[in-house]
Amino acid sequence: MQNQALRADILMLLTAIIWGSAFVAQRLGMDHIGPFLYTGLRFALAALVLLPLLAYTAAKQTIPGEPWSNRGLLFGGAMMGLVLALGINLQQVGLLFTSVTNSGFITGLYVIIVPLIGLFIGHKTGIGIWLGAILAVVGMFLLCVGDNFQVASGDWLQLAGAFVWATHVLVVGLFAKRHDPLRLAFLQFAICAVISLLLAVILEPITLAAIIQAGPAIIYGGAVAGGIGYTLQVVAQKHAIASHAAIIFSLEAVFAALAGSLFLDETLALRGYIGCALMFVGMLIAQLWPRKADASH
């Protein structure tokens, strides 16, 4: 069990690194195409990336795996896809009307929303999780919010998105423990792609030239952030507590800031580095604080 928990933590930390770096691709992709088209194409690509892996794992299995016709699997994949589509599109559209800084902080508030929602659905959350979540929020504030922080219209979309992301972490945690994680991830990507592409056809101009220009951002956002990142999330949450997972995933804001510094020439002030340190301390407290056996789910 200890090895499973450590493996899950490492996978979730890797997921946070991938998601953080993907913020750059998400922003650059919308220089050429609309938010719904970008989301639809990246998750269609993410689903395609998973097909060879699904075929490989099916061929290696000596005992037949979970059938695609399983109602629980289909329902879980559909729910995850619906929540993902809502969350990612709120984030994408919100980025048109606010800064990456505001977006990173407000989206990351799901770190405290997850245990709050958990209280209402019967999850028992230990004091270590609460301390870790509070430190993570304070760290994110120092990292993301400067003297010129102002509420923009897109911030309300990001705040709504924070509640959706919290729901997504809980939903993934619920179904990943019951069904094949790779098949869940594929269904999630496919549903999200179909919804987003339908919205793009209705609401946005679509040209091949613009899609080609956005190609590198689509490939990174789809193959890496989508195909790898969101799949790692589903696999890791099979053996993780949702509120603990949210704290590790919130480190996405740290890696987004570092990626912005490396690729977009954004500077990180001293308070930003202090914020990063507090977030890492929050993650360590949530992981190392002694937990009672009944507080593990």
Protein backbone atom coordinates (compact mmCIF):
# COMPACT_ATOMS: atom_id res chain seq x y z
CA MET A 1 0.00 0.00 0.00
CA GLN A 2 2.86 2.37 0.88
CA ASN A 3 4.51 1.70 -2.49
CA GLN A 4 1.20 2.31 -4.29
CA ALA A 5 0.76 5.63 -2.47
CA LEU A 6 4.32 6.74 -3.31
CA ARG A 7 3.87 5.75 -6.94
CA ALA A 8 0.59 7.69 -7.08
CA ASP A 9 2.28 10.78 -5.59
CA ILE A 10 5.10 10.65 -8.16
CA LEU A 11 2.62 10.29 -11.03
CA MET A 12 0.51 13.20 -9.71
CA LEU A 13 3.60 15.41 -9.34
CA LEU A 14 4.56 14.58 -12.94
CA THR A 15 0.99 15.45 -13.96
CA ALA A 16 1.28 18.85 -12.25
CA ILE A 17 4.53 19.54 -14.14
CA ILE A 18 2.90 18.66 -17.46
CA TRP A 19 -0.26 20.71 -16.75
CA GLY A 20 1.78 23.71 -15.64
CA SER A 21 3.87 23.75 -18.80
CA ALA A 22 0.71 23.31 -20.90
CA PHE A 23 -0.51 26.78 -19.87
CA VAL A 24 1.98 28.21 -22.38
CA ALA A 25 0.57 26.03 -25.18
CA GLN A 26 -3.02 26.89 -24.22
CA ARG A 27 -2.29 30.59 -24.49
CA LEU A 28 -0.26 30.38 -27.72
CA GLY A 29 -2.82 28.11 -29.40
CA MET A 30 -5.51 30.79 -29.11
CA ASP A 31 -3.34 33.23 -31.09
CA HIS A 32 -4.63 31.40 -34.16
CA ILE A 33 -7.87 29.52 -33.37
CA GLY A 34 -10.80 29.84 -30.96
CA PRO A 35 -10.88 28.23 -27.50
CA PHE A 36 -13.45 25.55 -28.33
CA LEU A 37 -11.64 24.45 -31.50
CA TYR A 38 -8.33 24.32 -29.65
CA THR A 39 -9.82 22.21 -26.87
CA GLY A 40 -11.67 19.92 -29.28
CA LEU A 41 -8.61 19.24 -31.43
CA ARG A 42 -6.24 18.70 -28.50
CA PHE A 43 -8.50 16.14 -26.83
CA ALA A 44 -9.28 14.39 -30.12
CA LEU A 45 -5.51 14.02 -30.48
CA ALA A 46 -5.25 12.85 -26.86
CA ALA A 47 -7.79 10.09 -27.57
CA LEU A 48 -5.86 9.01 -30.70
CA VAL A 49 -2.60 8.90 -28.72
CA LEU A 50 -4.17 6.42 -26.29
CA LEU A 51 -5.36 3.97 -28.98
CA PRO A 52 -1.98 2.20 -29.48
CA LEU A 53 -1.54 1.87 -25.71
CA LEU A 54 -5.05 0.44 -25.34
CA ALA A 55 -4.33 -2.07 -28.12
CA TYR A 56 -0.98 -3.03 -26.54
CA THR A 57 -2.42 -3.60 -23.06
CA ALA A 58 -5.33 -5.61 -24.50
CA ALA A 59 -2.88 -7.83 -26.41
CA LYS A 60 -0.74 -8.42 -23.28
CA GLN A 61 -3.67 -9.42 -21.06
CA THR A 62 -4.02 -13.15 -20.45
CA ILE A 63 -7.46 -12.61 -18.90
CA PRO A 64 -10.00 -10.47 -20.83
CA GLY A 65 -10.19 -6.95 -19.43
CA GLU A 66 -13.22 -4.86 -18.61
CA PRO A 67 -15.58 -4.85 -21.62
CA TRP A 68 -16.30 -1.54 -23.37
CA SER A 69 -20.02 -2.32 -23.03
CA ASN A 70 -19.84 -2.17 -19.22
CA ARG A 71 -22.46 0.40 -18.18
CA GLY A 72 -20.45 1.58 -15.18
CA LEU A 73 -17.40 2.20 -17.37
CA LEU A 74 -19.44 4.08 -20.00
CA PHE A 75 -21.21 6.17 -17.36
CA GLY A 76 -17.95 6.98 -15.58
CA GLY A 77 -16.20 7.97 -18.80
CA ALA A 78 -19.16 10.10 -19.87
CA MET A 79 -19.34 11.91 -16.51
CA MET A 80 -15.60 12.57 -16.51
CA GLY A 81 -15.77 13.81 -20.10
CA LEU A 82 -18.66 16.18 -19.38
CA VAL A 83 -16.95 17.67 -16.34
CA LEU A 84 -13.62 17.94 -18.18
CA ALA A 85 -15.29 19.68 -21.14
CA LEU A 86 -16.95 22.20 -18.85
CA GLY A 87 -13.82 22.87 -16.80
CA ILE A 88 -11.31 23.14 -19.64
CA ASN A 89 -13.57 25.35 -21.78
CA LEU A 90 -14.29 27.70 -18.88
CA GLN A 91 -10.52 27.96 -18.43
CA GLN A 92 -9.84 28.50 -22.15
CA VAL A 93 -12.54 31.15 -22.63
CA GLY A 94 -11.57 32.82 -19.36
CA LEU A 95 -7.98 33.16 -20.60
CA LEU A 96 -9.30 35.47 -23.33
CA PHE A 97 -10.52 37.94 -20.70
CA THR A 98 -7.97 37.72 -17.90
CA SER A 99 -4.26 37.22 -17.31
CA VAL A 100 -2.48 33.90 -16.87
CA THR A 101 -1.54 35.15 -13.38
CA ASN A 102 -5.15 35.65 -12.28
CA SER A 103 -6.18 32.42 -13.98
CA GLY A 104 -3.48 30.38 -12.28
CA PHE A 105 -4.43 31.59 -8.81
CA ILE A 106 -8.22 31.39 -9.14
CA THR A 107 -8.21 27.98 -10.86
CA GLY A 108 -5.90 26.65 -8.16
CA LEU A 109 -8.46 27.44 -5.46
CA TYR A 110 -9.90 23.98 -6.12
CA VAL A 111 -7.22 22.79 -3.68
CA ILE A 112 -9.42 24.03 -0.81
CA ILE A 113 -12.76 23.37 -2.58
CA VAL A 114 -12.10 19.61 -2.88
CA PRO A 115 -12.00 18.88 0.89
CA LEU A 116 -14.94 21.28 1.43
CA ILE A 117 -17.08 19.36 -1.08
CA GLY A 118 -15.76 16.15 0.44
CA LEU A 119 -17.29 17.10 3.79
CA PHE A 120 -20.75 17.16 2.21
CA ILE A 121 -20.38 13.74 0.56
CA GLY A 122 -18.98 11.93 3.58
CA HIS A 123 -15.22 12.09 2.98
CA LYS A 124 -13.13 12.26 6.17
CA THR A 125 -10.28 14.74 5.84
CA GLY A 126 -7.40 14.77 8.33
CA ILE A 127 -5.79 17.87 9.82
CA GLY A 128 -2.68 17.36 7.67
CA ILE A 129 -4.76 17.77 4.49
CA TRP A 130 -6.34 20.99 5.78
CA LEU A 131 -2.98 22.46 6.82
CA GLY A 132 -1.47 21.49 3.48
CA ALA A 133 -4.37 22.99 1.53
CA ILE A 134 -4.22 26.28 3.47
CA LEU A 135 -0.45 26.56 2.94
CA ALA A 136 -0.97 25.82 -0.77
CA VAL A 137 -3.54 28.63 -1.09
CA VAL A 138 -1.26 31.10 0.73
CA GLY A 139 1.64 30.00 -1.47
CA MET A 140 -0.44 30.42 -4.62
CA PHE A 141 -1.44 33.90 -3.50
CA LEU A 142 2.20 34.93 -3.08
CA LEU A 143 3.14 33.26 -6.37
CA CYS A 144 0.34 34.59 -8.55
CA VAL A 145 -1.10 37.75 -7.02
CA GLY A 146 0.94 40.94 -7.30
CA ASP A 147 0.28 44.55 -6.34
CA ASN A 148 -1.64 45.15 -9.58
CA PHE A 149 -4.09 42.25 -9.12
CA GLN A 150 -7.51 43.34 -10.41
CA VAL A 151 -10.68 41.38 -10.91
CA ALA A 152 -11.32 40.97 -14.64
CA SER A 153 -14.46 39.65 -16.32
CA GLY A 154 -12.72 36.38 -17.12
CA ASP A 155 -11.98 35.81 -13.44
CA TRP A 156 -15.60 34.88 -12.78
CA LEU A 157 -15.29 32.15 -15.43
CA GLN A 158 -12.10 30.92 -13.74
CA LEU A 159 -13.84 30.88 -10.34
CA ALA A 160 -16.69 28.80 -11.77
CA GLY A 161 -14.00 26.61 -13.32
CA ALA A 162 -12.33 26.10 -9.92
CA PHE A 163 -15.52 24.45 -8.63
CA VAL A 164 -15.69 22.33 -11.79
CA TRP A 165 -12.03 21.23 -11.40
CA ALA A 166 -12.73 20.30 -7.78
CA THR A 167 -15.66 18.18 -9.00
CA HIS A 168 -13.42 16.64 -11.67
CA VAL A 169 -10.83 15.53 -9.09
CA LEU A 170 -13.61 13.92 -7.00
CA VAL A 171 -15.32 12.28 -10.00
CA VAL A 172 -12.03 10.86 -11.32
CA GLY A 173 -11.19 9.56 -7.85
CA LEU A 174 -14.58 7.84 -7.66
CA PHE A 175 -14.54 6.06 -11.02
CA ALA A 176 -10.78 5.35 -11.28
CA LYS A 177 -11.06 3.05 -8.26
CA ARG A 178 -13.82 1.03 -9.94
CA HIS A 179 -12.90 0.79 -13.63
CA ASP A 180 -9.98 0.42 -16.03
CA PRO A 181 -8.15 3.79 -15.94
CA LEU A 182 -6.95 3.75 -19.57
CA ARG A 183 -10.44 3.08 -20.92
CA LEU A 184 -11.88 5.76 -18.63
CA ALA A 185 -9.27 8.24 -19.91
CA PHE A 186 -10.04 7.42 -23.56
CA LEU A 187 -13.80 7.86 -23.05
CA GLN A 188 -13.19 11.11 -21.16
CA PHE A 189 -11.07 12.54 -24.00
CA ALA A 190 -13.52 11.45 -26.71
CA ILE A 191 -16.54 12.99 -24.94
CA CYS A 192 -14.67 16.24 -24.26
CA ALA A 193 -13.49 16.43 -27.87
CA VAL A 194 -16.97 15.88 -29.35
CA ILE A 195 -18.60 18.51 -27.09
CA SER A 196 -15.87 21.09 -27.76
CA LEU A 197 -15.82 20.52 -31.54
CA LEU A 198 -19.62 20.87 -31.72
CA LEU A 199 -19.33 24.21 -29.88
CA ALA A 200 -16.54 25.27 -32.26
CA VAL A 201 -18.64 24.47 -35.35
CA ILE A 202 -21.52 26.53 -33.97
CA LEU A 203 -19.60 29.48 -32.51
CA GLU A 204 -16.19 29.85 -34.17
CA PRO A 205 -14.63 30.36 -37.61
CA ILE A 206 -12.65 27.29 -38.72
CA THR A 207 -9.91 27.39 -41.37
CA LEU A 208 -7.24 24.82 -42.19
CA ALA A 209 -4.54 27.50 -42.36
CA ALA A 210 -5.28 28.65 -38.79
CA ILE A 211 -5.28 25.06 -37.50
CA ILE A 212 -1.87 24.45 -39.11
CA GLN A 213 -0.50 27.62 -37.48
CA ALA A 214 -1.77 26.42 -34.10
CA GLY A 215 -0.36 22.95 -34.80
CA PRO A 216 2.57 22.92 -32.33
CA ALA A 217 0.32 24.15 -29.47
CA ILE A 218 -2.34 21.56 -30.38
CA ILE A 219 0.25 18.75 -30.49
CA TYR A 220 1.72 19.66 -27.10
CA GLY A 221 -1.68 20.32 -25.50
CA GLY A 222 -3.11 17.10 -26.96
CA ALA A 223 -0.34 14.51 -26.98
CA VAL A 224 1.55 15.63 -23.86
CA ALA A 225 -0.84 17.56 -21.57
CA GLY A 226 -3.87 15.55 -22.68
CA GLY A 227 -2.75 12.07 -23.72
CA ILE A 228 -0.06 11.78 -21.05
CA GLY A 229 -1.07 14.28 -18.32
CA TYR A 230 -4.76 13.50 -17.92
CA THR A 231 -4.12 9.76 -18.32
CA LEU A 232 -1.54 9.88 -15.51
CA GLN A 233 -4.16 11.66 -13.38
CA VAL A 234 -6.68 8.83 -13.83
CA VAL A 235 -4.06 6.12 -13.22
CA ALA A 236 -2.66 7.88 -10.12
CA GLN A 237 -6.04 8.63 -8.54
CA LYS A 238 -6.81 4.91 -8.47
CA HIS A 239 -4.62 4.85 -5.34
CA ALA A 240 -4.95 8.41 -3.99
CA ILE A 241 -7.18 10.40 -1.63
CA ALA A 242 -8.99 13.12 -3.62
CA SER A 243 -8.18 15.97 -1.21
CA HIS A 244 -4.51 14.92 -1.08
CA ALA A 245 -4.42 14.67 -4.88
CA ALA A 246 -5.75 18.23 -5.18
CA ILE A 247 -2.81 19.57 -3.15
CA ILE A 248 -0.24 17.91 -5.42
CA PHE A 249 -2.13 18.98 -8.56
CA SER A 250 -2.16 22.58 -7.28
CA LEU A 251 1.62 22.64 -7.84
CA GLU A 252 0.58 23.16 -11.47
CA ALA A 253 0.65 26.89 -10.60
CA VAL A 254 4.34 26.62 -9.61
CA PHE A 255 5.32 24.87 -12.83
CA ALA A 256 3.18 27.28 -14.88
CA ALA A 257 5.14 30.19 -13.38
CA LEU A 258 8.45 28.45 -14.09
CA ALA A 259 7.37 27.65 -17.66
CA GLY A 260 6.31 31.28 -18.17
CA SER A 261 9.72 32.39 -16.95
CA LEU A 262 11.53 29.99 -19.30
CA PHE A 263 9.45 30.33 -22.47
CA LEU A 264 7.58 33.65 -22.21
CA ASP A 265 10.27 35.77 -20.49
CA GLU A 266 8.02 36.36 -17.48
CA THR A 267 9.89 37.22 -14.29
CA LEU A 268 9.34 35.65 -10.87
CA ALA A 269 9.82 37.96 -7.86
CA LEU A 270 11.13 36.88 -4.44
CA ARG A 271 7.59 36.56 -3.08
CA GLY A 272 6.89 34.16 -5.94
CA TYR A 273 9.73 31.87 -4.88
CA ILE A 274 8.48 32.05 -1.26
CA GLY A 275 5.03 31.08 -2.55
CA CYS A 276 6.50 28.10 -4.42
CA ALA A 277 8.29 26.98 -1.25
CA LEU A 278 5.09 27.23 0.81
CA MET A 279 3.21 25.13 -1.74
CA PHE A 280 5.85 22.42 -1.61
CA VAL A 281 5.78 22.50 2.21
CA GLY A 282 1.98 22.18 2.06
CA MET A 283 2.32 19.11 -0.16
CA LEU A 284 4.85 17.53 2.23
CA ILE A 285 2.67 18.19 5.30
CA ALA A 286 -0.35 16.63 3.57
CA GLN A 287 1.75 13.58 2.71
CA LEU A 288 3.72 13.09 5.94
CA TRP A 289 1.21 14.16 8.62
CA PRO A 290 0.11 11.02 10.51
CA ARG A 291 -3.36 9.89 9.39
CA LYS A 292 -5.89 7.74 11.16
CA ALA A 293 -7.00 4.69 9.23
CA ASP A 294 -10.59 5.94 8.97
CA ALA A 295 -9.47 9.21 7.36
CA SER A 296 -8.00 7.53 4.30
CA HIS A 297 -10.93 7.96 1.95
